[in-house]
Amino acid sequence: MNSTTPEHHPQARSSFTPAVGFVSLGCPKALVDSERILTQLRAEGYQVVPTYQDADLVIVNTCGFIDSAVEESLDAIGEALDENGQVIVTGCLGARAEQVREHYPDLLAVTGPHALEDVMRAVHRHLPKPHDPYVDLAPPQGVKLTPRHYAYLKISEGCNHRCTFCIIPSMRGDLVSRPIGEVMQEAENLVNAGVKELLVISQDTSAYGVDIKYRTGFWNGRPLKSQLTALAGALGELGVWVRLHYVYPYPNVDDLIPLMAEGKLLPYLDIPLQHASPRILKAMRRPANTENTLARLRRWREICPDITVRSTFIVGFPGETEEEFQQLLEFLEEAELDRVGCFMYSPVAGATANALADPVPEPVKEERYQRFMECQAEISMDKLAGKVGQSMTVLVDAITASGDAVARSAADAPEIDGTVIIENGADLTVGEFAEVRITAAGEHDLWGETC
């Protein structure tokens, strides 16, 4: 079906076992939803198959954040209907059931995001589960769509913010934090199954526990407060890499930096800053104190010199002037962020920013995007060039046909950051750590050799 199909080494289908195909689209948070559904399917004895032809029905987990993601999801649903005909839709686009049904009225069911029970009810209705299912058909760590050596750990659902460009709260609801004991048990199961890197995700990681007033939970009989610093400290005791994503810049983020300096967390923060102009940030309903952000960056680097800071920005937001865009470029040059992503603003159905005056023309957006990326490319090249000659620990992700190893350092999250390419690294093992010396640097990637 596509590269997200979970069964990489499928067994021959048993004639009496009901079979489900699965297509997973969207962000890591949606990927975790997919993993939970797959785990439940396997636990109940369903077989998960990699082709439309072998499936009795197909589940499509959709994304609906921006227009291109909606189009991709609708195309995936249409392909599944054409190839199989029996399709259940879930995920963020499923929150707009009328829109989905308008395109495809013959779907078996349409559910919203993180709707495991609703999806399973639809599966049971149209494909009754096998008799006498065995719980041990699913491994303790669940069915994962990531490689064996890293996994996403979702700590909450939803978001309490109302950013004007975002419709996630309307699809996923307000913040709902998972019990800390449940999170830690899942993390422990993953580590026991061989995971070497935990990627902590949510819509607003910094807000973990706010909705439950930082309630105390228990892990292995030990009391733990449902709060990000306490959770991060406990995860840091598991002996694997712990990487934090989607960290909203609340004051409590400062408490994480000493944990990074002590080696309990990877020295890596993914903080979506979005812009540098106070007026644009206010229009976005985002924190608007750029000077404070720069001061915090300096303080973090004093405490933990090796910290990698990743962020994302939007150019061409409605009303953005050339002067305000220049403010953003000046911020980039002063902040010297390590990893940066950029999006051109595009209207999203249901977002309040659509009603703002003075939309930026598309050619201007594209021109500003190019200038932004050129500015950041120079910063990235300079920062990576400074790593040449250093030795570092990397996690090996793959071995290429030519015998090179593709790995990641503490500064590199999978699929969104750069890689470390180790020439003649065929003797290294995928999923294991290696020590390398950096020999060359590019715009995004590093090259090295084993020490």
Protein backbone atom coordinates (compact mmCIF):
# COMPACT_ATOMS: atom_id res chain seq x y z
CA MET A 1 0.00 0.00 0.00
CA ASN A 2 2.75 2.43 0.95
CA SER A 3 5.94 2.61 3.01
CA THR A 4 3.99 2.98 6.24
CA THR A 5 2.51 -0.51 5.99
CA PRO A 6 3.58 -2.19 9.24
CA GLU A 7 4.37 -5.71 8.09
CA HIS A 8 7.87 -5.58 6.56
CA HIS A 9 8.23 -9.38 6.49
CA PRO A 10 4.65 -10.66 6.07
CA GLN A 11 3.86 -14.28 6.61
CA ALA A 12 1.52 -16.15 4.30
CA ARG A 13 -2.05 -15.33 5.19
CA SER A 14 -3.97 -18.02 7.02
CA SER A 15 -7.21 -18.78 5.23
CA PHE A 16 -9.29 -18.52 8.41
CA THR A 17 -7.73 -15.33 9.79
CA PRO A 18 -9.43 -11.99 9.01
CA ALA A 19 -6.92 -9.60 7.48
CA VAL A 20 -6.64 -5.81 7.71
CA GLY A 21 -4.62 -3.45 5.54
CA PHE A 22 -3.37 -0.18 7.02
CA VAL A 23 -2.28 3.17 5.58
CA SER A 24 -0.79 5.68 8.03
CA LEU A 25 -0.35 9.34 7.08
CA GLY A 26 0.59 12.48 8.97
CA CYS A 27 2.79 13.49 11.88
CA PRO A 28 4.39 11.34 14.61
CA LYS A 29 1.34 11.91 16.82
CA ALA A 30 -0.82 10.26 14.15
CA LEU A 31 1.80 7.52 13.81
CA VAL A 32 1.37 6.69 17.50
CA ASP A 33 -2.42 6.48 16.96
CA SER A 34 -1.73 4.03 14.13
CA GLU A 35 0.55 1.94 16.34
CA ARG A 36 -2.14 1.67 19.02
CA ILE A 37 -4.77 0.54 16.52
CA LEU A 38 -2.36 -1.99 15.02
CA THR A 39 -1.47 -3.27 18.48
CA GLN A 40 -5.15 -3.79 19.30
CA LEU A 41 -5.78 -5.52 15.97
CA ARG A 42 -2.90 -7.93 16.58
CA ALA A 43 -3.95 -8.49 20.21
CA GLU A 44 -7.40 -9.56 19.01
CA GLY A 45 -5.97 -11.97 16.45
CA TYR A 46 -6.38 -10.00 13.24
CA GLN A 47 -3.68 -10.37 10.63
CA VAL A 48 -2.16 -7.15 9.25
CA VAL A 49 -1.25 -7.47 5.57
CA PRO A 50 0.79 -5.25 3.23
CA THR A 51 -1.39 -5.32 0.09
CA TYR A 52 -4.90 -4.22 -0.75
CA GLN A 53 -5.56 -7.54 -2.46
CA ASP A 54 -4.88 -9.60 0.68
CA ALA A 55 -6.97 -7.40 2.99
CA ASP A 56 -10.61 -7.96 3.95
CA LEU A 57 -10.81 -4.25 4.76
CA VAL A 58 -8.43 -1.27 4.89
CA ILE A 59 -8.00 1.39 7.58
CA VAL A 60 -6.67 4.79 6.44
CA ASN A 61 -5.33 7.06 9.21
CA THR A 62 -5.48 10.56 7.73
CA CYS A 63 -3.92 13.98 8.22
CA GLY A 64 -5.90 17.19 7.82
CA PHE A 65 -3.63 19.97 9.06
CA ILE A 66 -2.93 21.83 5.80
CA ASP A 67 -4.46 21.70 2.33
CA SER A 68 -1.72 19.52 0.83
CA ALA A 69 -2.18 16.98 3.64
CA VAL A 70 -5.94 16.95 3.05
CA GLU A 71 -5.37 16.26 -0.65
CA GLU A 72 -2.91 13.47 0.13
CA SER A 73 -5.38 11.91 2.57
CA LEU A 74 -8.29 12.10 0.14
CA ASP A 75 -6.12 10.55 -2.58
CA ALA A 76 -5.11 7.72 -0.22
CA ILE A 77 -8.76 7.06 0.67
CA GLY A 78 -9.70 6.99 -3.02
CA GLU A 79 -6.89 4.58 -3.83
CA ALA A 80 -7.92 2.25 -1.00
CA LEU A 81 -11.54 2.29 -2.22
CA ASP A 82 -10.49 1.61 -5.81
CA GLU A 83 -8.14 -1.23 -4.85
CA ASN A 84 -10.13 -2.83 -2.03
CA GLY A 85 -13.56 -1.24 -1.63
CA GLN A 86 -13.93 -1.82 2.14
CA VAL A 87 -12.44 1.22 3.89
CA ILE A 88 -12.56 2.73 7.39
CA VAL A 89 -11.23 6.29 7.74
CA THR A 90 -9.80 7.68 10.97
CA GLY A 91 -7.47 10.51 11.98
CA CYS A 92 -7.54 14.29 11.79
CA LEU A 93 -9.35 14.54 8.45
CA GLY A 94 -11.90 12.12 9.88
CA ALA A 95 -12.90 14.89 12.30
CA ARG A 96 -14.48 16.50 9.22
CA ALA A 97 -16.68 13.51 8.48
CA GLU A 98 -19.08 15.43 6.23
CA GLN A 99 -16.23 16.58 3.99
CA VAL A 100 -14.89 13.03 3.73
CA ARG A 101 -18.36 11.56 3.08
CA GLU A 102 -18.98 14.20 0.43
CA HIS A 103 -16.04 12.80 -1.55
CA TYR A 104 -16.54 9.15 -0.67
CA PRO A 105 -20.07 8.23 0.47
CA ASP A 106 -19.39 4.47 0.41
CA LEU A 107 -16.94 4.33 3.32
CA LEU A 108 -17.63 1.76 6.02
CA ALA A 109 -17.01 4.28 8.82
CA VAL A 110 -15.38 7.66 9.50
CA THR A 111 -13.91 8.52 12.93
CA GLY A 112 -11.80 11.37 14.28
CA PRO A 113 -8.26 11.23 15.72
CA HIS A 114 -7.16 9.11 18.72
CA ALA A 115 -10.39 7.11 18.41
CA LEU A 116 -9.17 3.56 19.05
CA GLU A 117 -12.49 2.33 20.43
CA ASP A 118 -14.51 3.78 17.54
CA VAL A 119 -12.15 2.24 14.98
CA MET A 120 -12.29 -1.17 16.64
CA ARG A 121 -16.09 -1.03 16.84
CA ALA A 122 -16.19 -0.38 13.10
CA VAL A 123 -13.77 -3.25 12.44
CA HIS A 124 -15.84 -5.62 14.62
CA ARG A 125 -19.03 -4.58 12.82
CA HIS A 126 -17.70 -5.22 9.33
CA LEU A 127 -15.06 -7.90 10.02
CA PRO A 128 -15.85 -9.91 13.17
CA LYS A 129 -12.78 -10.74 15.20
CA PRO A 130 -11.40 -14.29 15.25
CA HIS A 131 -12.60 -16.81 17.80
CA ASP A 132 -10.44 -17.27 20.91
CA PRO A 133 -7.92 -14.50 20.26
CA TYR A 134 -4.62 -14.74 22.12
CA VAL A 135 -3.38 -11.64 23.90
CA ASP A 136 0.25 -12.56 23.26
CA LEU A 137 -0.23 -12.11 19.50
CA ALA A 138 0.83 -8.51 20.20
CA PRO A 139 4.23 -7.90 21.80
CA PRO A 140 4.37 -5.98 25.11
CA GLN A 141 5.72 -2.85 23.42
CA GLY A 142 2.89 -2.93 20.86
CA VAL A 143 3.12 -2.91 17.07
CA LYS A 144 5.49 -0.17 15.91
CA LEU A 145 5.78 1.56 12.54
CA THR A 146 9.25 2.91 13.28
CA PRO A 147 12.49 0.90 13.05
CA ARG A 148 13.15 -1.34 16.05
CA HIS A 149 15.74 0.98 17.62
CA TYR A 150 13.67 4.15 18.07
CA ALA A 151 10.06 4.91 18.97
CA TYR A 152 7.74 7.84 19.55
CA LEU A 153 6.32 8.21 23.07
CA LYS A 154 3.13 10.29 23.08
CA ILE A 155 2.48 11.83 26.50
CA SER A 156 -0.74 13.77 25.85
CA GLU A 157 -3.45 14.54 23.34
CA GLY A 158 -4.88 17.87 22.25
CA CYS A 159 -3.86 21.46 22.95
CA ASN A 160 -5.14 24.39 25.02
CA HIS A 161 -3.69 27.05 22.70
CA ARG A 162 -5.67 28.78 19.98
CA CYS A 163 -3.02 29.79 17.46
CA THR A 164 -4.82 31.55 14.62
CA PHE A 165 -3.15 29.48 11.88
CA CYS A 166 -3.91 26.10 13.48
CA ILE A 167 -7.03 23.93 13.63
CA ILE A 168 -5.55 21.05 15.64
CA PRO A 169 -7.62 21.82 18.81
CA SER A 170 -10.82 21.64 16.77
CA MET A 171 -9.79 18.17 15.59
CA ARG A 172 -7.98 16.74 18.62
CA GLY A 173 -9.59 18.74 21.41
CA ASP A 174 -8.08 20.36 24.51
CA LEU A 175 -5.08 18.98 26.38
CA VAL A 176 -5.52 15.52 27.92
CA SER A 177 -2.38 14.23 29.66
CA ARG A 178 -1.72 10.51 29.97
CA PRO A 179 -1.15 9.11 33.48
CA ILE A 180 2.57 9.26 34.21
CA GLY A 181 2.67 5.63 35.36
CA GLU A 182 1.19 4.53 32.03
CA VAL A 183 3.72 6.64 30.09
CA MET A 184 6.65 5.25 32.07
CA GLN A 185 5.44 1.65 31.71
CA GLU A 186 5.20 2.08 27.94
CA ALA A 187 8.68 3.62 27.86
CA GLU A 188 10.07 0.73 29.93
CA ASN A 189 8.41 -1.84 27.62
CA LEU A 190 9.95 -0.13 24.59
CA VAL A 191 13.44 -0.09 26.12
CA ASN A 192 13.13 -3.75 27.13
CA ALA A 193 12.21 -4.52 23.51
CA GLY A 194 15.46 -2.98 22.24
CA VAL A 195 14.55 0.67 21.61
CA LYS A 196 17.63 2.90 21.93
CA GLU A 197 15.94 6.27 21.45
CA LEU A 198 12.64 7.60 22.81
CA LEU A 199 11.17 10.61 21.01
CA VAL A 200 8.76 12.37 23.36
CA ILE A 201 5.87 13.97 21.46
CA SER A 202 2.53 15.67 22.01
CA GLN A 203 0.84 18.76 20.66
CA ASP A 204 2.27 20.82 23.55
CA THR A 205 4.89 18.83 25.43
CA SER A 206 5.63 21.61 27.94
CA ALA A 207 2.01 21.58 29.16
CA TYR A 208 2.11 17.94 30.25
CA GLY A 209 0.09 17.56 33.46
CA VAL A 210 -1.54 21.01 33.45
CA ASP A 211 -5.02 19.57 32.87
CA ILE A 212 -4.71 17.12 35.79
CA LYS A 213 -3.06 19.67 38.11
CA TYR A 214 0.24 17.74 38.02
CA ARG A 215 -1.36 14.78 39.79
CA THR A 216 1.05 12.34 41.43
CA GLY A 217 1.15 8.90 39.85
CA PHE A 218 3.23 5.80 40.45
CA TRP A 219 5.83 3.88 38.48
CA ASN A 220 7.23 0.67 39.97
CA GLY A 221 5.82 1.76 43.33
CA ARG A 222 7.60 5.11 43.17
CA PRO A 223 5.59 8.38 43.30
CA LEU A 224 6.07 10.68 40.32
CA LYS A 225 4.50 14.06 39.66
CA SER A 226 2.74 14.38 36.28
CA GLN A 227 4.96 17.23 35.15
CA LEU A 228 7.44 17.46 32.29
CA THR A 229 10.62 17.88 34.34
CA ALA A 230 9.74 14.94 36.59
CA LEU A 231 8.81 12.81 33.58
CA ALA A 232 12.00 13.75 31.74
CA GLY A 233 14.10 12.91 34.78
CA ALA A 234 12.49 9.48 35.11
CA LEU A 235 12.88 8.75 31.38
CA GLY A 236 16.52 9.75 31.69
CA GLU A 237 17.05 6.83 34.09
CA LEU A 238 16.20 4.23 31.43
CA GLY A 239 19.66 4.36 29.85
CA VAL A 240 18.60 5.37 26.32
CA TRP A 241 18.51 8.57 24.29
CA VAL A 242 15.52 10.75 25.23
CA ARG A 243 14.64 13.49 22.72
CA LEU A 244 12.00 16.17 23.34
CA HIS A 245 9.77 17.50 20.55
CA TYR A 246 7.12 20.27 20.31
CA VAL A 247 8.30 22.05 23.45
CA TYR A 248 6.30 25.26 23.85
CA PRO A 249 8.61 27.93 25.41
CA TYR A 250 7.07 28.06 28.89
CA PRO A 251 9.36 29.10 31.80
CA ASN A 252 9.49 25.46 33.01
CA VAL A 253 11.57 24.58 29.94
CA ASP A 254 14.54 26.21 31.70
CA ASP A 255 14.44 23.36 34.25
CA LEU A 256 15.19 20.82 31.52
CA ILE A 257 18.55 22.28 30.52
CA PRO A 258 20.47 21.04 33.62
CA LEU A 259 19.17 17.53 32.87
CA MET A 260 20.71 17.85 29.41
CA ALA A 261 23.99 19.10 30.84
CA GLU A 262 24.03 16.06 33.16
CA GLY A 263 23.48 13.66 30.24
CA LYS A 264 20.02 12.49 31.34
CA LEU A 265 18.35 13.96 28.26
CA LEU A 266 19.71 14.52 24.79
CA PRO A 267 20.84 18.16 24.54
CA TYR A 268 18.14 18.84 21.96
CA LEU A 269 15.05 21.06 22.07
CA ASP A 270 12.43 21.35 19.35
CA ILE A 271 10.67 24.69 20.01
CA PRO A 272 8.24 26.07 17.38
CA LEU A 273 8.93 29.83 17.54
CA GLN A 274 7.01 30.64 14.29
CA HIS A 275 8.19 34.28 13.84
CA ALA A 276 10.20 37.13 15.39
CA SER A 277 7.99 40.17 14.75
CA PRO A 278 6.00 41.05 17.91
CA ARG A 279 3.03 42.18 15.83
CA ILE A 280 2.94 39.04 13.71
CA LEU A 281 3.37 36.83 16.79
CA LYS A 282 0.46 38.63 18.42
CA ALA A 283 -1.65 38.06 15.31
CA MET A 284 -0.68 34.39 15.51
CA ARG A 285 -1.50 34.33 19.25
CA ARG A 286 2.02 33.20 20.04
CA PRO A 287 4.51 34.41 22.71
CA ALA A 288 5.83 37.76 21.49
CA ASN A 289 8.99 38.59 23.47
CA THR A 290 11.83 38.05 21.00
CA GLU A 291 14.46 39.68 23.24
CA ASN A 292 13.54 37.28 26.04
CA THR A 293 13.87 34.35 23.63
CA LEU A 294 17.40 35.43 22.66
CA ALA A 295 18.36 35.85 26.31
CA ARG A 296 17.06 32.37 27.13
CA LEU A 297 19.01 30.85 24.24
CA ARG A 298 22.19 32.45 25.56
CA ARG A 299 21.46 31.15 29.08
CA TRP A 300 20.74 27.63 27.83
CA ARG A 301 24.01 27.56 25.91
CA GLU A 302 25.93 28.72 28.98
CA ILE A 303 24.46 25.83 31.02
CA CYS A 304 24.69 23.23 28.22
CA PRO A 305 27.13 24.32 25.47
CA ASP A 306 26.31 21.29 23.31
CA ILE A 307 22.57 22.00 23.13
CA THR A 308 20.93 21.76 19.71
CA VAL A 309 17.90 24.01 19.22
CA ARG A 310 15.48 23.25 16.41
CA SER A 311 12.56 25.47 15.44
CA THR A 312 9.98 26.09 12.74
CA PHE A 313 8.82 29.38 11.25
CA ILE A 314 6.06 30.67 8.99
CA VAL A 315 6.74 33.27 6.28
CA GLY A 316 4.05 35.17 4.42
CA PHE A 317 1.57 35.28 7.30
CA PRO A 318 -1.32 37.68 6.52
CA GLY A 319 -0.17 41.27 6.93
CA GLU A 320 3.56 40.43 7.12
CA THR A 321 5.50 43.44 5.82
CA GLU A 322 8.98 43.47 4.32
CA GLU A 323 10.23 45.16 7.49
CA GLU A 324 8.73 42.41 9.66
CA PHE A 325 10.26 39.74 7.45
CA GLN A 326 13.63 41.47 7.87
CA GLN A 327 13.10 41.25 11.65
CA LEU A 328 12.79 37.51 11.21
CA LEU A 329 16.04 37.29 9.22
CA GLU A 330 17.85 39.39 11.83
CA PHE A 331 16.54 37.10 14.56
CA LEU A 332 17.84 34.06 12.66
CA GLU A 333 21.29 35.58 12.35
CA GLU A 334 21.42 36.49 16.04
CA ALA A 335 19.85 33.30 17.39
CA GLU A 336 22.03 30.95 15.28
CA LEU A 337 19.60 28.08 15.61
CA ASP A 338 21.01 24.67 14.71
CA ARG A 339 18.05 23.19 12.84
CA VAL A 340 15.26 25.19 11.22
CA GLY A 341 12.17 24.37 9.20
CA CYS A 342 10.12 26.91 7.29
CA PHE A 343 6.60 26.93 5.84
CA MET A 344 4.91 29.40 3.55
CA TYR A 345 1.61 30.39 5.11
CA SER A 346 -1.39 28.79 3.44
CA PRO A 347 -5.04 29.16 4.49
CA VAL A 348 -6.47 26.17 6.33
CA ALA A 349 -10.22 25.66 6.37
CA GLY A 350 -11.51 26.69 9.79
CA ALA A 351 -8.43 28.72 10.87
CA THR A 352 -9.18 32.18 12.21
CA ALA A 353 -6.14 33.63 10.42
CA ASN A 354 -8.07 33.26 7.16
CA ALA A 355 -10.07 36.36 8.09
CA LEU A 356 -7.01 38.58 8.65
CA ALA A 357 -6.46 41.49 6.29
CA ASP A 358 -3.67 42.00 3.75
CA PRO A 359 -2.85 38.47 2.57
CA VAL A 360 0.69 38.22 1.21
CA PRO A 361 0.79 37.48 -2.57
CA GLU A 362 2.08 34.02 -3.47
CA PRO A 363 5.16 35.29 -5.41
CA VAL A 364 6.18 37.36 -2.37
CA LYS A 365 5.75 34.35 -0.07
CA GLU A 366 7.93 32.23 -2.34
CA GLU A 367 10.60 34.92 -2.59
CA ARG A 368 10.70 35.35 1.19
CA TYR A 369 10.84 31.59 1.69
CA GLN A 370 13.89 31.37 -0.58
CA ARG A 371 15.64 34.23 1.24
CA PHE A 372 14.84 32.64 4.60
CA MET A 373 16.26 29.27 3.55
CA GLU A 374 19.39 30.85 2.06
CA CYS A 375 20.00 32.75 5.30
CA GLN A 376 19.57 29.64 7.44
CA ALA A 377 21.69 27.52 5.08
CA GLU A 378 24.70 29.75 5.72
CA ILE A 379 24.15 29.54 9.48
CA SER A 380 23.78 25.75 9.31
CA MET A 381 26.92 25.32 7.20
CA ASP A 382 28.98 27.42 9.60
CA LYS A 383 27.73 25.52 12.65
CA LEU A 384 28.29 22.10 11.06
CA ALA A 385 31.75 23.09 9.82
CA GLY A 386 32.68 23.70 13.45
CA LYS A 387 32.10 20.01 14.17
CA VAL A 388 34.78 18.78 11.77
CA GLY A 389 37.51 17.04 13.75
CA GLN A 390 35.23 16.27 16.70
CA SER A 391 34.43 12.78 17.94
CA MET A 392 30.82 11.95 18.70
CA THR A 393 28.44 9.11 19.50
CA VAL A 394 25.96 8.26 16.74
CA LEU A 395 23.05 5.84 16.38
CA VAL A 396 23.18 3.78 13.18
CA ASP A 397 19.93 3.84 11.16
CA ALA A 398 20.89 2.00 7.96
CA ILE A 399 23.68 0.46 5.87
CA THR A 400 23.62 1.46 2.20
CA ALA A 401 24.27 -0.85 -0.74
CA SER A 402 27.63 0.86 -1.23
CA GLY A 403 28.71 -0.05 2.30
CA ASP A 404 28.27 3.34 3.97
CA ALA A 405 26.45 3.63 7.30
CA VAL A 406 23.76 6.28 7.74
CA ALA A 407 23.60 7.42 11.35
CA ARG A 408 22.34 10.25 13.53
CA SER A 409 24.01 12.25 16.25
CA ALA A 410 22.36 13.74 19.33
CA ALA A 411 21.63 16.78 17.14
CA ASP A 412 19.59 14.82 14.59
CA ALA A 413 15.98 13.71 14.98
CA PRO A 414 14.90 11.03 12.49
CA GLU A 415 13.43 12.18 9.17
CA ILE A 416 13.51 15.92 9.96
CA ASP A 417 17.17 16.74 10.65
CA GLY A 418 20.46 15.77 9.03
CA THR A 419 22.46 12.56 9.13
CA VAL A 420 26.03 11.43 9.76
CA ILE A 421 27.33 9.40 6.83
CA ILE A 422 30.10 6.97 7.80
CA GLU A 423 32.07 5.87 4.79
CA ASN A 424 33.00 2.18 4.75
CA GLY A 425 30.73 1.58 7.73
CA ALA A 426 29.38 -1.77 6.57
CA ASP A 427 30.72 -3.48 9.70
CA LEU A 428 28.53 -1.34 11.96
CA THR A 429 25.20 -2.65 13.24
CA VAL A 430 21.85 -0.98 12.56
CA GLY A 431 20.25 0.07 15.81
CA GLU A 432 23.51 0.25 17.76
CA PHE A 433 25.68 3.18 18.84
CA ALA A 434 29.07 3.90 17.30
CA GLU A 435 31.90 6.34 17.95
CA VAL A 436 32.93 8.41 14.93
CA ARG A 437 35.26 11.27 14.08
CA ILE A 438 33.78 13.93 11.81
CA THR A 439 35.80 14.49 8.65
CA ALA A 440 33.58 16.78 6.55
CA ALA A 441 30.42 18.88 6.72
CA GLY A 442 27.75 20.08 4.32
CA GLU A 443 24.62 22.22 4.56
CA HIS A 444 22.64 19.65 6.56
CA ASP A 445 24.75 16.49 6.92
CA LEU A 446 28.08 15.40 8.34
CA TRP A 447 30.56 12.79 7.14
CA GLY A 448 32.77 10.74 9.41
CA GLU A 449 34.85 7.65 10.03
CA THR A 450 34.82 5.17 12.89
CA CYS A 451 37.22 5.95 15.74
